[in-house]
Protein backbone atom coordinates (compact mmCIF):
# COMPACT_ATOMS: atom_id res chain seq x y z
CA MET A 1 -5.14 19.33 -5.62
CA LYS A 2 -1.48 19.12 -6.59
CA LYS A 3 -0.27 19.42 -3.00
CA TYR A 4 -2.65 16.64 -1.88
CA TRP A 5 -1.49 14.46 -4.77
CA LYS A 6 2.04 14.98 -3.54
CA LEU A 7 0.91 14.10 -0.01
CA LEU A 8 -0.39 10.71 -1.21
CA ARG A 9 2.96 9.84 -2.87
CA PRO A 10 1.40 7.89 -5.76
CA HIS A 11 4.79 6.89 -7.20
CA GLN A 12 5.11 4.62 -4.15
CA TYR A 13 2.16 2.54 -5.40
CA LEU A 14 4.70 0.60 -7.44
CA LYS A 15 5.57 -1.25 -4.21
CA ASN A 16 2.03 -2.59 -4.05
CA GLY A 17 2.87 -4.68 -7.12
CA PHE A 18 3.89 -7.37 -4.61
CA VAL A 19 0.19 -8.30 -4.31
CA TRP A 20 0.33 -9.56 -7.91
CA LEU A 21 3.09 -12.12 -7.31
CA GLY A 22 0.72 -14.86 -6.23
CA LEU A 23 -1.45 -14.37 -9.32
CA ILE A 24 1.60 -14.43 -11.62
CA PHE A 25 2.81 -17.77 -10.28
CA THR A 26 -0.54 -19.49 -9.74
CA GLN A 27 -1.81 -22.23 -12.01
CA HIS A 28 -5.43 -21.38 -11.23
CA PHE A 29 -5.83 -18.01 -12.94
CA ASN A 30 -9.40 -16.77 -13.42
CA TRP A 31 -11.01 -13.39 -13.89
CA TYR A 32 -12.74 -13.48 -10.52
CA THR A 33 -9.40 -13.83 -8.72
CA PHE A 34 -7.93 -11.16 -10.99
CA THR A 35 -10.72 -8.78 -9.93
CA GLN A 36 -10.10 -9.54 -6.25
CA VAL A 37 -6.36 -8.91 -6.57
CA SER A 38 -7.08 -5.66 -8.43
CA LEU A 39 -9.27 -4.51 -5.54
CA LEU A 40 -6.52 -5.51 -3.11
CA PHE A 41 -4.03 -3.45 -5.09
CA ILE A 42 -6.28 -0.38 -4.82
CA ALA A 43 -6.86 -1.08 -1.12
CA PHE A 44 -3.12 -1.24 -0.44
CA CYS A 45 -2.61 1.98 -2.41
CA ALA A 46 -5.08 3.69 -0.09
CA ALA A 47 -3.53 2.06 2.98
CA ALA A 48 0.01 2.99 1.90
CA SER A 49 -0.96 6.63 1.38
CA CYS A 50 -2.62 6.60 4.81
CA VAL A 51 0.60 5.26 6.35
CA TYR A 52 2.74 7.89 4.60
CA ILE A 53 0.48 10.64 5.93
CA PHE A 54 0.71 9.16 9.45
CA ASN A 55 4.48 9.16 9.19
CA ASP A 56 4.62 12.72 7.84
CA ILE A 57 2.43 13.95 10.71
CA PHE A 58 4.52 12.30 13.42
CA ASP A 59 7.82 13.29 11.76
CA VAL A 60 6.91 16.86 10.85
CA GLU A 61 9.54 18.49 13.09
CA ALA A 62 12.33 16.17 11.99
CA ASP A 63 11.33 16.51 8.33
CA ARG A 64 11.73 20.28 8.54
CA LEU A 65 15.43 19.72 9.31
CA HIS A 66 15.92 17.16 6.53
CA PRO A 67 17.63 18.26 3.27
CA THR A 68 14.81 16.96 1.04
CA LYS A 69 11.89 15.96 3.30
CA ARG A 70 11.41 19.58 4.36
CA ASN A 71 9.70 20.10 0.98
CA ARG A 72 6.91 17.65 1.80
CA PRO A 73 3.44 19.25 2.05
CA ILE A 74 3.01 18.93 5.83
CA ALA A 75 6.60 19.82 6.73
CA SER A 76 6.53 22.84 4.44
CA GLY A 77 3.18 24.00 5.83
CA THR A 78 1.22 23.83 2.56
CA ILE A 79 -1.18 21.30 4.11
CA PRO A 80 -2.39 21.75 7.73
CA VAL A 81 -2.02 18.82 10.11
CA ARG A 82 -5.77 18.70 10.76
CA SER A 83 -6.50 18.29 7.06
CA ALA A 84 -3.84 15.58 6.84
CA TRP A 85 -5.52 13.64 9.66
CA GLN A 86 -8.83 13.79 7.78
CA TRP A 87 -7.23 12.42 4.62
CA ALA A 88 -5.51 9.64 6.58
CA ALA A 89 -8.78 8.57 8.21
CA GLY A 90 -10.62 8.60 4.90
CA LEU A 91 -7.94 6.51 3.20
CA ALA A 92 -7.92 3.96 6.04
CA LEU A 93 -11.70 3.58 5.76
CA LEU A 94 -11.44 3.20 1.98
CA ALA A 95 -8.79 0.47 2.31
CA LEU A 96 -10.81 -1.49 4.88
CA SER A 97 -14.05 -1.05 2.91
CA LEU A 98 -12.47 -2.54 -0.21
CA ALA A 99 -11.06 -5.41 1.85
CA ILE A 100 -14.54 -6.19 3.23
CA SER A 101 -15.72 -7.04 -0.29
CA ILE A 102 -12.96 -9.66 -0.58
CA GLY A 103 -13.08 -11.53 2.73
CA TRP A 104 -12.03 -11.68 6.36
CA GLN A 105 -8.43 -12.67 5.55
CA ALA A 106 -7.98 -9.60 3.37
CA ILE A 107 -9.47 -7.40 6.10
CA SER A 108 -7.15 -8.93 8.70
CA LEU A 109 -4.03 -8.48 6.57
CA ILE A 110 -4.75 -4.86 5.62
CA GLY A 111 -5.75 -4.08 9.21
CA LEU A 112 -2.50 -5.63 10.44
CA TYR A 113 -0.60 -3.60 7.83
CA LEU A 114 -2.13 -0.36 9.14
CA LEU A 115 -1.52 -1.24 12.80
CA LEU A 116 2.05 -2.37 12.18
CA ASN A 117 2.93 0.82 10.35
CA LEU A 118 1.21 2.94 12.98
CA ALA A 119 3.42 1.28 15.61
CA TYR A 120 6.39 1.93 13.32
CA SER A 121 5.56 5.63 13.08
CA LEU A 122 4.99 5.92 16.84
CA GLY A 123 8.37 4.53 17.86
CA LEU A 124 9.46 1.20 16.41
CA LYS A 125 11.25 2.99 13.57
CA HIS A 126 13.85 4.04 16.16
CA VAL A 127 14.80 0.43 16.99
CA VAL A 128 17.87 -0.61 15.00
CA ILE A 129 17.43 -3.58 12.60
CA LEU A 130 13.82 -4.07 13.78
CA ASP A 131 12.92 -0.96 11.78
CA VAL A 132 13.95 -2.66 8.53
CA PHE A 133 12.19 -5.90 9.49
CA ILE A 134 8.95 -3.96 9.97
CA ILE A 135 9.34 -2.42 6.52
CA ALA A 136 9.89 -5.92 5.10
CA ALA A 137 6.85 -7.18 7.02
CA GLY A 138 4.71 -4.65 5.16
CA PHE A 139 5.79 -6.16 1.85
CA MET A 140 5.21 -9.69 3.14
CA LEU A 141 1.66 -8.72 4.11
CA ARG A 142 1.14 -7.57 0.52
CA ILE A 143 2.30 -10.95 -0.79
CA LEU A 144 0.10 -12.81 1.70
CA ALA A 145 -2.89 -10.64 0.80
CA GLY A 146 -2.41 -11.50 -2.88
CA THR A 147 -2.22 -15.21 -2.05
CA LEU A 148 -4.00 -16.26 1.16
CA GLY A 149 -6.32 -13.26 0.92
CA VAL A 150 -7.80 -14.52 -2.36
CA GLY A 151 -7.43 -18.27 -1.81
CA ILE A 152 -4.09 -18.86 -3.57
CA PRO A 153 -1.68 -21.14 -1.61
CA PRO A 154 1.62 -19.20 -1.23
CA SER A 155 4.90 -20.90 -2.04
CA GLN A 156 7.31 -20.98 0.89
CA TRP A 157 10.23 -20.33 -1.47
CA LEU A 158 8.43 -17.31 -2.92
CA LEU A 159 7.78 -15.96 0.58
CA LEU A 160 11.44 -16.45 1.49
CA THR A 161 12.57 -14.67 -1.67
CA GLY A 162 10.19 -11.80 -0.97
CA LEU A 163 11.49 -11.49 2.59
CA MET A 164 15.14 -11.43 1.50
CA LEU A 165 14.45 -8.94 -1.30
CA THR A 166 12.59 -6.52 0.95
CA LEU A 167 15.25 -6.76 3.67
CA PHE A 168 17.85 -6.01 0.99
CA LEU A 169 15.94 -2.94 -0.17
CA GLY A 170 15.42 -1.81 3.43
CA PHE A 171 19.08 -2.02 4.44
CA ALA A 172 20.08 -0.41 1.12
CA LYS A 173 17.71 2.47 1.96
CA ARG A 174 19.42 2.99 5.33
CA ARG A 175 22.83 2.92 3.61
CA ALA A 176 21.65 5.50 1.09
CA GLU A 177 20.44 7.74 3.91
CA LEU A 178 23.86 7.56 5.55
CA LEU A 179 25.50 8.48 2.25
CA MET A 180 23.11 11.42 1.82
CA LEU A 181 23.96 12.71 5.30
CA GLU A 182 27.68 12.38 4.59
CA ASN A 183 27.30 14.30 1.33
CA SER A 184 25.29 17.04 3.05
CA HIS A 185 27.92 17.30 5.83
CA LEU A 186 25.38 16.78 8.61
CA THR A 187 26.97 15.35 11.74
CA ASP A 188 23.86 15.14 13.93
CA ARG A 189 21.60 12.36 12.62
CA THR A 190 19.08 12.57 15.48
CA ASN A 191 17.00 15.31 13.88
CA VAL A 192 16.95 13.53 10.52
CA ARG A 193 16.47 9.86 11.45
CA ARG A 194 17.37 8.85 14.99
CA VAL A 195 18.00 5.18 14.19
CA LEU A 196 20.89 6.14 11.88
CA ASN A 197 22.95 6.80 15.01
CA ASP A 198 22.90 3.06 15.67
CA TYR A 199 23.93 2.10 12.15
CA SER A 200 27.40 2.29 10.64
CA PRO A 201 28.49 2.05 7.00
CA VAL A 202 30.37 -1.20 7.67
CA VAL A 203 27.40 -2.92 9.32
CA LEU A 204 24.97 -1.76 6.63
CA ASP A 205 27.31 -2.88 3.85
CA GLN A 206 27.49 -6.33 5.45
CA LEU A 207 23.73 -6.59 5.95
CA THR A 208 23.09 -5.40 2.40
CA SER A 209 25.53 -7.93 0.96
CA ILE A 210 24.07 -10.81 2.99
CA THR A 211 20.48 -10.06 2.02
CA ALA A 212 21.44 -9.49 -1.63
CA ALA A 213 23.12 -12.91 -1.76
CA CYS A 214 20.16 -14.56 0.00
CA THR A 215 17.75 -12.95 -2.48
CA VAL A 216 19.56 -14.41 -5.47
CA LEU A 217 20.07 -17.79 -3.78
CA SER A 218 16.49 -18.21 -2.57
CA TYR A 219 15.00 -17.21 -5.93
CA GLY A 220 17.39 -19.54 -7.75
CA LEU A 221 16.41 -22.44 -5.47
CA TYR A 222 12.74 -21.59 -5.99
CA THR A 223 13.07 -21.85 -9.78
CA VAL A 224 14.66 -25.34 -9.64
CA SER A 225 12.79 -26.82 -6.67
CA GLN A 226 10.88 -30.04 -7.35
CA GLU A 227 7.65 -28.47 -6.12
CA THR A 228 7.95 -25.56 -8.56
CA VAL A 229 8.73 -27.88 -11.49
CA ARG A 230 5.81 -30.13 -10.53
CA ILE A 231 3.30 -27.27 -10.16
CA HIS A 232 4.24 -25.46 -13.37
CA GLY A 233 5.32 -28.47 -15.41
CA THR A 234 8.60 -26.85 -16.45
CA ASN A 235 12.06 -26.09 -15.14
CA ALA A 236 12.48 -23.13 -17.50
CA LEU A 237 11.84 -20.59 -14.73
CA PHE A 238 15.57 -20.92 -14.14
CA TYR A 239 16.08 -18.70 -17.19
CA THR A 240 14.52 -15.78 -15.32
CA LEU A 241 17.31 -15.89 -12.71
CA PRO A 242 19.77 -13.72 -14.72
CA PHE A 243 17.28 -10.84 -14.60
CA VAL A 244 17.14 -11.06 -10.80
CA ILE A 245 20.93 -11.21 -10.50
CA TYR A 246 21.42 -8.25 -12.83
CA GLY A 247 18.73 -6.22 -11.07
CA VAL A 248 20.33 -6.74 -7.64
CA PHE A 249 23.80 -5.91 -8.96
CA ARG A 250 22.52 -2.82 -10.77
CA TYR A 251 20.81 -1.59 -7.60
CA LEU A 252 24.05 -1.99 -5.63
CA PHE A 253 25.89 -0.07 -8.33
CA LEU A 254 23.40 2.80 -8.18
CA LEU A 255 23.60 2.82 -4.39
CA HIS A 256 27.36 3.20 -4.19
CA HIS A 257 28.14 5.17 -7.36
CA HIS A 258 25.09 7.36 -7.91
CA SER A 259 23.81 7.83 -4.32
CA ARG A 260 20.52 6.11 -5.16
CA GLY A 261 18.44 3.88 -2.91
CA ASN A 262 16.85 6.53 -0.70
CA ASP A 263 13.56 6.19 -2.57
CA THR A 264 13.18 2.69 -4.02
CA ALA A 265 10.12 3.43 -6.14
CA LYS A 266 11.70 6.46 -7.80
CA ASP A 267 14.90 4.54 -8.47
CA LEU A 268 13.03 1.69 -10.13
CA ILE A 269 11.13 3.97 -12.52
CA ALA A 270 14.02 6.38 -13.16
CA ASP A 271 16.77 3.95 -14.17
CA PRO A 272 16.42 2.51 -17.73
CA HIS A 273 18.43 -0.58 -16.80
CA LEU A 274 16.12 -1.47 -13.92
CA ILE A 275 13.02 -0.80 -16.03
CA ALA A 276 14.31 -3.06 -18.81
CA THR A 277 15.31 -5.71 -16.29
CA GLY A 278 11.91 -5.70 -14.60
CA LEU A 279 10.04 -5.86 -17.90
CA GLY A 280 12.36 -8.58 -19.18
CA TRP A 281 11.80 -10.66 -16.06
CA LEU A 282 8.01 -10.25 -16.30
CA ILE A 283 7.84 -11.12 -20.00
CA VAL A 284 10.05 -14.20 -19.72
CA THR A 285 8.25 -15.38 -16.57
CA LEU A 286 4.82 -15.06 -18.17
CA ALA A 287 6.06 -16.74 -21.36
CA VAL A 288 7.49 -19.67 -19.40
CA LEU A 289 4.42 -20.13 -17.22
CA ALA A 290 2.07 -19.81 -20.21
């Protein structure tokens, strides 16, 4: 089962933590909502694995020419394509079945997530800039599922911060892929990721800087907004801002000095500074809201 475990990419489940944001910042916590969000987390884990399998199937030829992706189970031939399709179908059914137990909004959001990523795998990933917006949209659907999907009103500032953060991570990923190609001395990007032909280091550096600044600014404004202070009865959320600033700066440092950023989930769990920053932010946030 090791090769199938690798096919599912469970380390990527960390990204599904976005479904918990609504529950962290809500003032109406209860165990029923906690159970619903937990089911949503599992559903998005199944849906995410389904999407990764879709992408691996459609990209199998390009992955075989990639310096690292050629070791993936489908590209390397350890798992047949037919078996991969069966796993993808089963995971999609599991995700939708779990969503049915929560409500129609959850079903709609997970269904939209699957359709959007299917369209991404079939061709939209080759459209410059739109490719990153689709990646960000997947994260936004997670946030909406963890809020609207379980009856929690989402904060507009929180949605804006989530959008800017995911755009930042998406453009940083493209920049990391360019750096990897430069280090591997590959001149033809078409067989690795076609959209990289439309990106340049200068453009990606600008887009990464803009979205990084917007992430910090939008989160900072969220912590001091009158609505946030009124809902939570405190303005102390401002003291969580340094963790966000440090985390963004640390990620930029790893991107440009350690060639990280190609796999966000691995980077987050491999760097002690980012782990400490994430835990520090969570602890202080929960302490303030409690």
